N, C-alpha and C. Protein backbone atom coordinates (compact mmCIF):
# COMPACT_ATOMS: atom_id res chain seq x y z
N MET A 1 121.09 -111.85 28.78
CA MET A 1 119.96 -111.40 28.06
C MET A 1 118.98 -112.57 27.99
N SER A 2 117.72 -112.29 28.26
CA SER A 2 116.73 -113.37 28.18
C SER A 2 115.91 -113.22 26.87
N VAL A 3 115.23 -114.28 26.51
CA VAL A 3 114.43 -114.25 25.32
C VAL A 3 112.97 -114.40 25.68
N ASP A 4 112.17 -113.52 25.12
CA ASP A 4 110.72 -113.56 25.33
C ASP A 4 110.13 -114.20 24.06
N ALA A 5 109.29 -115.19 24.23
CA ALA A 5 108.75 -115.92 23.09
C ALA A 5 107.92 -115.05 22.17
N THR A 6 107.30 -113.99 22.68
CA THR A 6 106.45 -113.21 21.84
C THR A 6 107.18 -112.07 21.10
N SER A 7 108.18 -111.51 21.70
CA SER A 7 108.79 -110.33 21.08
C SER A 7 110.29 -110.50 20.83
N GLY A 8 110.84 -111.66 21.03
CA GLY A 8 112.25 -111.88 20.77
C GLY A 8 113.11 -111.51 21.96
N PRO A 9 114.40 -111.13 21.71
CA PRO A 9 115.31 -110.82 22.82
C PRO A 9 114.81 -109.62 23.62
N ARG A 10 114.97 -109.72 24.94
CA ARG A 10 114.52 -108.66 25.82
C ARG A 10 115.75 -108.10 26.55
N ARG A 11 115.90 -106.83 26.59
CA ARG A 11 117.00 -106.20 27.34
C ARG A 11 116.63 -106.00 28.76
N GLU A 12 117.61 -106.15 29.63
CA GLU A 12 117.37 -105.88 31.05
C GLU A 12 117.23 -104.36 31.21
N LEU A 13 116.38 -103.94 32.07
CA LEU A 13 116.13 -102.56 32.33
C LEU A 13 117.38 -101.95 33.03
N GLU A 14 117.93 -100.89 32.44
CA GLU A 14 119.07 -100.24 33.05
C GLU A 14 118.65 -99.00 33.78
N ILE A 15 119.01 -98.93 35.03
CA ILE A 15 118.72 -97.75 35.85
C ILE A 15 119.98 -96.89 35.93
N PRO A 16 119.84 -95.62 35.54
CA PRO A 16 121.04 -94.74 35.57
C PRO A 16 121.47 -94.52 37.00
N ALA A 17 122.80 -94.31 37.14
CA ALA A 17 123.40 -94.09 38.48
C ALA A 17 123.31 -92.60 38.85
N THR A 18 122.15 -92.12 39.08
CA THR A 18 121.99 -90.72 39.48
C THR A 18 121.91 -90.61 41.00
N PRO A 19 122.37 -89.53 41.56
CA PRO A 19 122.34 -89.42 43.01
C PRO A 19 120.90 -89.28 43.53
N VAL A 20 120.71 -89.82 44.72
CA VAL A 20 119.38 -89.72 45.39
C VAL A 20 119.44 -88.45 46.21
N THR A 21 118.39 -87.62 46.04
CA THR A 21 118.34 -86.32 46.72
C THR A 21 117.43 -86.41 47.95
N ASP A 22 117.94 -85.92 49.05
CA ASP A 22 117.15 -85.83 50.27
C ASP A 22 116.41 -84.49 50.23
N PHE A 23 115.12 -84.53 49.93
CA PHE A 23 114.37 -83.31 49.77
C PHE A 23 114.10 -82.61 51.09
N ALA A 24 114.29 -83.29 52.20
CA ALA A 24 114.16 -82.65 53.49
C ALA A 24 115.24 -81.59 53.66
N THR A 25 116.40 -81.85 53.11
CA THR A 25 117.53 -80.88 53.13
C THR A 25 117.12 -79.65 52.35
N LEU A 26 116.53 -79.84 51.18
CA LEU A 26 116.11 -78.69 50.34
C LEU A 26 114.95 -77.95 50.98
N GLU A 27 114.04 -78.68 51.56
CA GLU A 27 112.87 -78.02 52.22
C GLU A 27 113.31 -77.09 53.32
N ALA A 28 114.31 -77.52 54.12
CA ALA A 28 114.83 -76.70 55.20
C ALA A 28 115.55 -75.45 54.71
N GLN A 29 116.03 -75.48 53.45
CA GLN A 29 116.82 -74.36 52.93
C GLN A 29 116.10 -73.60 51.79
N LYS A 30 114.81 -73.89 51.57
CA LYS A 30 114.18 -73.32 50.38
C LYS A 30 114.13 -71.79 50.37
N GLU A 31 114.18 -71.16 51.52
CA GLU A 31 114.20 -69.73 51.56
C GLU A 31 115.53 -69.16 51.09
N ASN A 32 116.57 -69.98 51.10
CA ASN A 32 117.92 -69.53 50.70
C ASN A 32 118.25 -69.84 49.25
N ILE A 33 117.28 -70.35 48.51
CA ILE A 33 117.53 -70.74 47.12
C ILE A 33 116.82 -69.78 46.19
N ARG A 34 117.61 -69.08 45.41
CA ARG A 34 117.07 -68.13 44.44
C ARG A 34 116.64 -68.93 43.18
N PRO A 35 115.40 -68.78 42.76
CA PRO A 35 114.92 -69.51 41.61
C PRO A 35 115.55 -68.96 40.31
N LEU A 36 115.75 -69.86 39.38
CA LEU A 36 116.20 -69.49 38.03
C LEU A 36 115.13 -69.93 37.04
N SER A 37 115.09 -69.20 35.94
CA SER A 37 114.10 -69.54 34.90
C SER A 37 114.41 -70.90 34.29
N THR A 38 115.68 -71.31 34.31
CA THR A 38 116.06 -72.62 33.80
C THR A 38 115.97 -73.70 34.82
N GLY A 39 115.70 -73.33 36.06
CA GLY A 39 115.61 -74.30 37.15
C GLY A 39 116.96 -74.56 37.79
N ARG A 40 116.95 -75.39 38.80
CA ARG A 40 118.22 -75.76 39.49
C ARG A 40 118.25 -77.26 39.64
N SER A 41 119.43 -77.78 39.74
CA SER A 41 119.62 -79.23 39.94
C SER A 41 119.40 -79.58 41.44
N ALA A 42 118.47 -80.45 41.71
CA ALA A 42 118.20 -80.81 43.10
C ALA A 42 119.43 -81.49 43.72
N SER A 43 120.12 -82.33 42.95
CA SER A 43 121.25 -83.03 43.51
C SER A 43 122.39 -82.03 43.81
N THR A 44 122.59 -81.00 42.95
CA THR A 44 123.63 -80.02 43.23
C THR A 44 123.28 -79.20 44.48
N LEU A 45 122.03 -78.80 44.58
CA LEU A 45 121.62 -78.03 45.78
C LEU A 45 121.78 -78.87 47.03
N SER A 46 121.42 -80.14 46.97
CA SER A 46 121.55 -81.03 48.12
C SER A 46 123.03 -81.16 48.54
N ASN A 47 123.90 -81.32 47.57
CA ASN A 47 125.36 -81.38 47.86
C ASN A 47 125.84 -80.13 48.50
N ILE A 48 125.42 -78.97 48.01
CA ILE A 48 125.86 -77.68 48.58
C ILE A 48 125.44 -77.57 50.03
N PHE A 49 124.15 -77.83 50.31
CA PHE A 49 123.68 -77.65 51.66
C PHE A 49 124.18 -78.72 52.59
N THR A 50 124.44 -79.91 52.10
CA THR A 50 125.00 -80.97 52.96
C THR A 50 126.42 -80.62 53.34
N LYS A 51 127.22 -80.12 52.38
CA LYS A 51 128.61 -79.71 52.70
C LYS A 51 128.63 -78.55 53.64
N GLU A 52 127.71 -77.58 53.47
CA GLU A 52 127.72 -76.45 54.38
C GLU A 52 127.38 -76.91 55.80
N ARG A 53 126.45 -77.81 55.93
CA ARG A 53 126.04 -78.31 57.27
C ARG A 53 127.24 -79.05 57.90
N ALA A 54 127.91 -79.87 57.10
CA ALA A 54 129.05 -80.64 57.61
C ALA A 54 130.15 -79.72 58.03
N GLU A 55 130.41 -78.69 57.23
CA GLU A 55 131.47 -77.71 57.59
C GLU A 55 131.12 -76.95 58.88
N ALA A 56 129.84 -76.54 58.99
CA ALA A 56 129.43 -75.85 60.21
C ALA A 56 129.56 -76.74 61.46
N GLU A 57 129.20 -78.00 61.30
CA GLU A 57 129.33 -78.94 62.42
C GLU A 57 130.80 -79.14 62.80
N ARG A 58 131.66 -79.19 61.78
CA ARG A 58 133.10 -79.39 62.02
C ARG A 58 133.65 -78.20 62.79
N VAL A 59 133.31 -76.96 62.37
CA VAL A 59 133.78 -75.77 63.03
C VAL A 59 133.25 -75.70 64.46
N LEU A 60 131.98 -76.05 64.65
CA LEU A 60 131.39 -76.05 66.01
C LEU A 60 132.10 -77.09 66.89
N GLN A 61 132.38 -78.27 66.34
CA GLN A 61 133.10 -79.25 67.13
C GLN A 61 134.50 -78.80 67.52
N GLN A 62 135.16 -78.14 66.61
CA GLN A 62 136.51 -77.59 66.91
C GLN A 62 136.40 -76.58 68.05
N GLY A 63 135.40 -75.73 68.03
CA GLY A 63 135.21 -74.77 69.09
C GLY A 63 134.96 -75.44 70.44
N HIS A 64 134.13 -76.49 70.43
CA HIS A 64 133.87 -77.23 71.65
C HIS A 64 135.16 -77.86 72.21
N GLU A 65 135.94 -78.43 71.30
CA GLU A 65 137.18 -79.07 71.73
C GLU A 65 138.17 -78.04 72.30
N ALA A 66 138.24 -76.86 71.70
CA ALA A 66 139.13 -75.81 72.18
C ALA A 66 138.73 -75.35 73.57
N HIS A 67 137.41 -75.18 73.79
CA HIS A 67 136.94 -74.78 75.13
C HIS A 67 137.18 -75.87 76.15
N ARG A 68 136.98 -77.10 75.71
CA ARG A 68 137.20 -78.23 76.65
C ARG A 68 138.67 -78.30 77.06
N ARG A 69 139.61 -78.04 76.14
CA ARG A 69 141.02 -78.04 76.46
C ARG A 69 141.33 -76.86 77.40
N ALA A 70 140.73 -75.67 77.15
CA ALA A 70 140.92 -74.51 78.02
C ALA A 70 140.41 -74.81 79.44
N ILE A 71 139.31 -75.48 79.56
CA ILE A 71 138.76 -75.83 80.85
C ILE A 71 139.70 -76.82 81.55
N ASP A 72 140.21 -77.80 80.80
CA ASP A 72 141.12 -78.76 81.38
C ASP A 72 142.41 -78.09 81.91
N VAL A 73 142.96 -77.13 81.12
CA VAL A 73 144.14 -76.40 81.52
C VAL A 73 143.84 -75.60 82.77
N ALA A 74 142.69 -74.92 82.82
CA ALA A 74 142.34 -74.12 83.98
C ALA A 74 142.19 -75.01 85.22
N ASN A 75 141.56 -76.15 85.04
CA ASN A 75 141.44 -77.11 86.18
C ASN A 75 142.76 -77.56 86.67
N GLN A 76 143.71 -77.83 85.77
CA GLN A 76 145.05 -78.27 86.12
C GLN A 76 145.78 -77.14 86.85
N ARG A 77 145.68 -75.91 86.33
CA ARG A 77 146.32 -74.77 86.97
C ARG A 77 145.78 -74.58 88.37
N GLU A 78 144.48 -74.74 88.53
CA GLU A 78 143.86 -74.58 89.85
C GLU A 78 144.31 -75.70 90.77
N ALA A 79 144.42 -76.91 90.26
CA ALA A 79 144.87 -78.04 91.06
C ALA A 79 146.33 -77.90 91.49
N ASP A 80 147.16 -77.21 90.63
CA ASP A 80 148.57 -76.98 90.96
C ASP A 80 148.72 -75.83 91.93
N GLY A 81 147.64 -75.18 92.31
CA GLY A 81 147.71 -74.10 93.29
C GLY A 81 147.99 -72.72 92.70
N GLU A 82 147.93 -72.63 91.38
CA GLU A 82 148.22 -71.33 90.71
C GLU A 82 147.05 -70.39 90.99
N GLU A 83 147.38 -69.15 91.30
CA GLU A 83 146.37 -68.14 91.55
C GLU A 83 145.70 -67.73 90.27
N MET A 84 144.40 -67.81 90.28
CA MET A 84 143.59 -67.36 89.15
C MET A 84 142.49 -66.49 89.71
N GLU A 85 142.13 -65.46 89.00
CA GLU A 85 141.14 -64.51 89.47
C GLU A 85 139.83 -65.22 89.90
N ASP A 86 139.23 -65.91 88.98
CA ASP A 86 138.00 -66.61 89.29
C ASP A 86 138.07 -68.11 89.01
N GLY A 87 139.30 -68.61 88.85
CA GLY A 87 139.48 -70.05 88.60
C GLY A 87 138.94 -70.46 87.25
N VAL A 88 138.25 -71.56 87.25
CA VAL A 88 137.75 -72.17 86.03
C VAL A 88 136.64 -71.26 85.43
N MET A 89 136.04 -70.47 86.24
CA MET A 89 134.97 -69.54 85.79
C MET A 89 135.49 -68.56 84.73
N ASP A 90 136.80 -68.25 84.80
CA ASP A 90 137.39 -67.38 83.77
C ASP A 90 137.24 -68.01 82.40
N VAL A 91 137.33 -69.34 82.32
CA VAL A 91 137.22 -70.02 81.04
C VAL A 91 135.78 -70.29 80.71
N LEU A 92 134.95 -70.66 81.72
CA LEU A 92 133.59 -71.01 81.44
C LEU A 92 132.72 -69.80 81.03
N ASP A 93 133.00 -68.62 81.60
CA ASP A 93 132.17 -67.44 81.32
C ASP A 93 132.10 -67.10 79.84
N PRO A 94 133.20 -66.99 79.10
CA PRO A 94 133.10 -66.74 77.63
C PRO A 94 132.40 -67.88 76.89
N TYR A 95 132.55 -69.09 77.35
CA TYR A 95 131.92 -70.24 76.67
C TYR A 95 130.43 -70.16 76.77
N VAL A 96 129.91 -69.77 77.93
CA VAL A 96 128.49 -69.69 78.16
C VAL A 96 127.91 -68.52 77.38
N LYS A 97 128.63 -67.44 77.25
CA LYS A 97 128.17 -66.26 76.51
C LYS A 97 128.15 -66.59 75.05
């Protein structure tokens, strides 16, 4: 604590540890937010939409990995000489659609 000659002891300014909200996240989702007369917490909304995006990205990544493994298996089966109707295209066709 420091002392100011004119007003006596001076307290250091304390900044509360509140979360910082990325308003770009809220701007992108504003059509999906139902207004309330009491308002909504920006930090809560940001957390919700960030988690939803992360979950969607995780599910998408799992789908990509599953298709990549299916393609690798089809390539291996084709390399082993196993008869396949259209080869790797059997796996790629549903992925493209």
